[in-house]
Amino acid sequence: MRFLGNIEAKLDAKGRVFLPAAFRKVLQGAGEQGMVMRKDVFQACLVLYPESVWGEQMDSLRSRLSRWDRDEQQLFRQFVSEVEPVALDASGRFLIPRRCLRQAGIGQDVRFIGMGDTIEIWPSGPGGTGFVDPAAFGEALQRAMGPGGSSADAG
């Protein structure tokens, strides 16, 4: 599953929005029925996880955190308790609860950003996405991917 793209949309008066058709096709092609939404851990945006990806995240987190450590159990509880199940209606719309809209600072205009196996939902407009200045972006990629960078060369 690979969600790609940067697509703007509008919420209706009830807080519903159409999942972009390109993303719906990816979900259907993968046989995914539902999704899970939660606020991102680091940024003021919402993240949509296909159910299979959410399951992998839960399994990974659970395997790293002990049920018998109070602090680790609290981390797990907080991570999983702040989720909203997402179901698309026959038109391809879904509801974003008011609580989630407030957490991400989203008004009527939103931007969907495909992030590979997840989809981010950002407020649309200037400063509404987690992008860095183009020059800083190039420099950061060079540090991460260039000779001596923190990522191994896959080629």
Protein backbone atom coordinates (compact mmCIF):
# COMPACT_ATOMS: atom_id res chain seq x y z
CA MET A 1 0.00 0.00 0.00
CA ARG A 2 1.44 3.34 -1.05
CA PHE A 3 -0.51 6.54 -0.55
CA LEU A 4 1.03 9.35 -2.59
CA GLY A 5 -0.14 12.88 -3.21
CA ASN A 6 -1.04 16.22 -1.72
CA ILE A 7 -4.77 16.89 -2.16
CA GLU A 8 -6.93 19.71 -0.82
CA ALA A 9 -10.56 19.23 0.25
CA LYS A 10 -13.31 20.92 2.25
CA LEU A 11 -15.28 19.72 5.25
CA ASP A 12 -19.05 20.00 5.12
CA ALA A 13 -21.08 21.61 7.92
CA LYS A 14 -21.22 18.29 9.84
CA GLY A 15 -17.45 17.77 9.74
CA ARG A 16 -17.49 15.19 6.96
CA VAL A 17 -14.96 15.12 4.15
CA PHE A 18 -14.44 13.00 1.04
CA LEU A 19 -11.41 10.76 1.16
CA PRO A 20 -9.62 11.58 -2.11
CA ALA A 21 -10.42 9.08 -4.87
CA ALA A 22 -6.74 8.19 -5.37
CA PHE A 23 -6.51 7.12 -1.73
CA ARG A 24 -9.82 5.21 -1.88
CA LYS A 25 -8.47 3.24 -4.86
CA VAL A 26 -5.36 2.27 -2.90
CA LEU A 27 -7.51 1.09 0.03
CA GLN A 28 -9.82 -0.89 -2.23
CA GLY A 29 -6.89 -2.42 -4.12
CA ALA A 30 -5.43 -3.63 -0.82
CA GLY A 31 -8.78 -5.02 0.33
CA GLU A 32 -8.90 -2.68 3.31
CA GLN A 33 -12.34 -2.03 4.80
CA GLY A 34 -11.73 0.45 7.59
CA MET A 35 -9.26 2.91 8.99
CA VAL A 36 -8.21 4.33 12.33
CA MET A 37 -7.50 8.03 12.95
CA ARG A 38 -5.47 9.67 15.69
CA LYS A 39 -3.60 12.90 16.21
CA ASP A 40 0.04 12.63 15.19
CA VAL A 41 2.45 12.19 18.09
CA PHE A 42 4.77 15.00 16.92
CA GLN A 43 2.82 17.35 14.63
CA ALA A 44 -0.53 19.17 14.70
CA CYS A 45 -2.14 16.90 12.13
CA LEU A 46 -4.31 13.79 12.03
CA VAL A 47 -3.11 10.44 10.74
CA LEU A 48 -5.30 7.86 9.00
CA TYR A 49 -4.06 4.29 9.35
CA PRO A 50 -5.57 1.46 7.29
CA GLU A 51 -6.67 -1.21 9.78
CA SER A 52 -3.83 -3.56 8.83
CA VAL A 53 -1.22 -0.83 9.32
CA TRP A 54 -2.79 0.17 12.65
CA GLY A 55 -2.66 -3.47 13.73
CA GLU A 56 1.06 -3.61 12.89
CA GLN A 57 1.66 -0.38 14.86
CA MET A 58 -0.21 -1.78 17.86
CA ASP A 59 1.71 -5.07 17.73
CA SER A 60 5.04 -3.26 17.43
CA LEU A 61 4.31 -0.90 20.30
CA ARG A 62 2.90 -3.65 22.52
CA SER A 63 5.99 -5.81 21.93
CA ARG A 64 8.26 -2.96 23.04
CA LEU A 65 6.29 -1.87 26.11
CA SER A 66 5.83 -4.03 29.18
CA ARG A 67 2.35 -4.50 30.63
CA TRP A 68 4.08 -4.73 34.01
CA ASP A 69 5.80 -1.36 33.89
CA ARG A 70 3.48 1.43 35.04
CA ASP A 71 4.99 4.15 32.82
CA GLU A 72 5.10 1.94 29.73
CA GLN A 73 1.51 0.80 30.27
CA GLN A 74 0.44 4.44 30.58
CA LEU A 75 2.19 5.26 27.26
CA PHE A 76 0.41 2.39 25.53
CA ARG A 77 -2.95 3.37 27.03
CA GLN A 78 -2.62 6.98 25.92
CA PHE A 79 -1.55 6.00 22.40
CA VAL A 80 -4.45 3.62 21.82
CA SER A 81 -7.15 5.56 23.69
CA GLU A 82 -6.91 8.62 21.46
CA VAL A 83 -8.05 6.83 18.30
CA GLU A 84 -11.24 7.12 16.29
CA PRO A 85 -12.49 4.34 14.02
CA VAL A 86 -13.17 5.65 10.51
CA ALA A 87 -15.74 4.21 8.14
CA LEU A 88 -16.43 5.59 4.69
CA ASP A 89 -20.06 6.07 3.69
CA ALA A 90 -21.36 5.05 0.25
CA SER A 91 -20.12 8.37 -1.17
CA GLY A 92 -16.59 7.98 0.19
CA ARG A 93 -17.03 10.51 3.01
CA PHE A 94 -16.07 10.14 6.64
CA LEU A 95 -16.65 12.18 9.77
CA ILE A 96 -13.80 13.91 11.56
CA PRO A 97 -14.95 14.37 15.18
CA ARG A 98 -14.82 17.92 16.56
CA ARG A 99 -12.28 16.83 19.18
CA CYS A 100 -9.89 15.72 16.43
CA LEU A 101 -10.44 18.91 14.43
CA ARG A 102 -9.54 20.98 17.50
CA GLN A 103 -6.45 18.89 18.27
CA ALA A 104 -5.06 19.48 14.77
CA GLY A 105 -6.25 23.09 14.41
CA ILE A 106 -8.30 22.17 11.34
CA GLY A 107 -11.01 24.47 10.02
CA GLN A 108 -13.12 23.94 6.91
CA ASP A 109 -10.21 23.47 4.47
CA VAL A 110 -7.98 20.42 4.77
CA ARG A 111 -5.02 18.92 2.96
CA PHE A 112 -4.51 15.18 2.62
CA ILE A 113 -0.89 14.08 2.30
CA GLY A 114 -0.03 10.52 1.32
CA MET A 115 2.76 9.22 3.52
CA GLY A 116 3.28 5.76 2.09
CA ASP A 117 1.30 3.47 4.38
CA THR A 118 -0.64 6.26 6.11
CA ILE A 119 -2.46 9.47 5.19
CA GLU A 120 -2.00 12.74 7.06
CA ILE A 121 -4.74 15.37 7.33
CA TRP A 122 -3.52 18.95 7.79
CA PRO A 123 -5.18 22.35 7.94
CA SER A 124 -4.99 23.82 4.45
CA GLY A 125 -3.29 27.16 3.87
CA PRO A 126 0.03 28.82 4.65
CA GLY A 127 1.93 27.13 7.44
CA GLY A 128 -0.63 24.34 7.54
CA THR A 129 1.74 21.50 6.77
CA GLY A 130 4.85 20.04 8.29
CA PHE A 131 7.18 21.07 5.48
CA VAL A 132 10.56 22.72 5.91
CA ASP A 133 12.15 25.45 3.83
CA PRO A 134 13.30 24.01 0.45
CA ALA A 135 16.97 24.81 1.10
CA ALA A 136 16.86 23.26 4.57
CA PHE A 137 15.09 20.22 3.06
CA GLY A 138 17.88 19.65 0.55
CA GLU A 139 20.55 20.02 3.22
CA ALA A 140 18.76 17.61 5.57
CA LEU A 141 18.41 15.01 2.80
CA GLN A 142 22.07 15.39 1.93
CA ARG A 143 23.04 14.80 5.57
CA ALA A 144 20.73 11.80 5.89
CA MET A 145 21.35 10.15 2.54
CA GLY A 146 24.74 11.39 1.39
CA PRO A 147 28.14 9.85 2.08
CA GLY A 148 28.47 9.19 5.79
CA GLY A 149 24.77 9.91 6.32
CA SER A 150 22.64 8.08 8.83
CA SER A 151 20.90 5.89 6.22
CA ALA A 152 22.51 3.04 4.36
CA ASP A 153 22.66 3.29 0.56
CA ALA A 154 20.07 0.90 -0.86
CA GLY A 155 21.56 0.94 -4.36
